[in-house]
Protein backbone atom coordinates (compact mmCIF):
# COMPACT_ATOMS: atom_id res chain seq x y z
CA MET A 1 -119.09 -44.72 50.69
CA MET A 2 -117.53 -47.82 51.57
CA ARG A 3 -120.59 -50.18 51.03
CA PHE A 4 -120.93 -48.73 47.55
CA ALA A 5 -117.44 -49.56 46.56
CA VAL A 6 -117.97 -53.19 47.74
CA LEU A 7 -121.29 -53.37 45.85
CA ILE A 8 -119.29 -52.24 42.53
CA GLY A 9 -116.41 -54.78 43.27
CA VAL A 10 -119.00 -57.49 43.77
CA GLY A 11 -120.87 -56.55 40.59
CA LEU A 12 -117.68 -56.45 38.70
CA LEU A 13 -116.72 -60.09 39.87
CA LEU A 14 -120.10 -61.31 39.18
CA PHE A 15 -119.72 -60.14 35.54
CA ARG A 16 -116.44 -61.54 35.16
CA TRP A 17 -117.74 -64.99 36.37
CA ILE A 18 -120.94 -64.94 34.24
CA MET A 19 -119.59 -63.46 31.16
CA GLY A 20 -115.94 -64.88 31.28
CA ARG A 21 -114.41 -61.27 30.81
CA TRP A 22 -114.16 -58.21 32.50
CA PRO A 23 -116.67 -55.40 31.44
CA TRP A 24 -113.70 -53.23 29.63
CA GLU A 25 -112.48 -55.96 27.96
CA PRO A 26 -113.58 -56.02 24.18
CA LYS A 27 -116.11 -58.75 23.09
CA VAL A 28 -114.23 -61.19 20.55
CA SER A 29 -116.43 -63.03 18.34
CA THR A 30 -116.17 -67.08 17.93
CA ARG A 31 -115.12 -66.40 14.19
CA ASN A 32 -112.27 -64.33 15.20
CA GLN A 33 -111.12 -66.68 17.79
CA ALA A 34 -111.25 -69.67 15.09
CA ILE A 35 -109.21 -67.64 12.65
CA PHE A 36 -106.50 -66.84 15.36
CA ARG A 37 -106.50 -70.49 16.27
CA ALA A 38 -106.07 -71.57 12.70
CA ARG A 39 -103.23 -69.09 12.07
CA ARG A 40 -101.53 -70.38 15.24
CA LEU A 41 -102.08 -74.12 13.85
CA LEU A 42 -100.58 -73.23 10.48
CA GLY A 43 -97.74 -70.76 11.79
CA VAL A 44 -98.70 -67.99 9.36
CA GLU A 45 -98.93 -64.38 10.19
CA ALA A 46 -102.11 -62.15 9.73
CA ASN A 47 -101.08 -60.82 6.61
CA ALA A 48 -100.20 -64.29 4.97
CA ASN A 49 -101.03 -64.52 1.30
CA ARG A 50 -102.64 -67.68 -0.39
CA GLN A 51 -99.13 -69.37 -1.39
CA GLU A 52 -98.00 -68.89 2.33
CA ILE A 53 -101.16 -70.58 3.75
CA VAL A 54 -100.89 -73.39 1.22
CA GLU A 55 -97.30 -74.08 2.02
CA ALA A 56 -97.79 -74.02 5.63
CA HIS A 57 -100.65 -76.42 5.06
CA LYS A 58 -98.54 -78.92 3.19
CA ARG A 59 -95.75 -78.71 5.87
CA LEU A 60 -98.50 -79.52 8.64
CA ILE A 61 -99.93 -82.34 6.75
CA ALA A 62 -96.63 -83.92 6.21
CA MET A 63 -96.26 -83.99 9.90
CA VAL A 64 -99.36 -85.08 10.98
CA HIS A 65 -100.28 -87.49 8.13
CA PRO A 66 -101.79 -90.92 9.40
CA ASP A 67 -98.84 -92.56 7.54
CA ARG A 68 -96.29 -90.44 9.59
CA GLY A 69 -97.94 -91.30 13.11
CA GLY A 70 -100.57 -88.76 13.04
CA SER A 71 -104.33 -89.03 12.88
CA ASN A 72 -107.35 -88.23 10.59
CA ASP A 73 -108.38 -85.93 13.34
CA GLN A 74 -105.37 -83.80 12.84
CA VAL A 75 -105.60 -83.94 9.27
CA HIS A 76 -109.11 -82.81 9.28
CA GLU A 77 -108.28 -79.99 11.68
CA ALA A 78 -105.31 -78.83 9.44
CA ASN A 79 -107.70 -79.08 6.49
CA ALA A 80 -110.18 -76.68 8.22
CA ALA A 81 -107.68 -74.13 9.34
CA ARG A 82 -106.59 -73.88 5.69
CA ASP A 83 -110.02 -73.59 4.21
CA LEU A 84 -111.01 -70.93 6.92
CA LEU A 85 -108.00 -68.73 6.28
CA LEU A 86 -108.25 -68.93 2.36
CA ASP A 87 -111.99 -68.08 3.04
CA GLU A 88 -110.73 -64.83 4.82
CA LEU A 89 -108.71 -63.72 1.75
CA PRO A 90 -110.06 -60.94 -0.29
CA HIS A 91 -111.42 -62.51 -3.32
CA GLU A 92 -110.42 -61.46 -6.79
CA VAL A 93 -112.82 -59.40 -9.04
CA ARG A 94 -113.38 -60.99 -12.35
């Protein structure tokens, strides 16, 4: 019985080492991770509307613009975050 428990423990640790998560943790998609990082970068909530996203983007760009000591990479990252979050909004039916 003890040998069985040790084998299960080793199997779980091996799974964690290979997959990077425990077997009982849900699998998170790369896109969901990117959306989470974009929201955190812009400082908006999950239910932010278009106007809130654009305003947060403008505030961030004002801080990271190259003329203010930022870099082009930071501006590109802010633009990518804005585009990703705007793409996730439900589109209007015309």
